[in-house]
């Protein structure tokens, strides 16, 4: 009984860990797709933009000049155009 309860707790913890991992993976993939589909945007650029603006929606509503301060003028125009077409 004590052994069974220990095994059940281990099982429950492993299950919780797996679910949390996959939730995080899914949420990252959703954010990633909006920015990573833009030519010239990789993981570092995506992280820099998200750390500064907080969300893809806030990046989309930002001015080209604000985005350009982080990534350069050409890429900023491409990002702004791409996010506001959708």
Foldseek 3Di string as FASTA:
>chain_A
DVVVVVVVVVVVVVVVVVVVVVVVVVVVVVQCVQQVVQPPDDDVLSVQVCVVQVGLVSLLVDDLVVSCVRPHNVSSVSSNVSSVVD
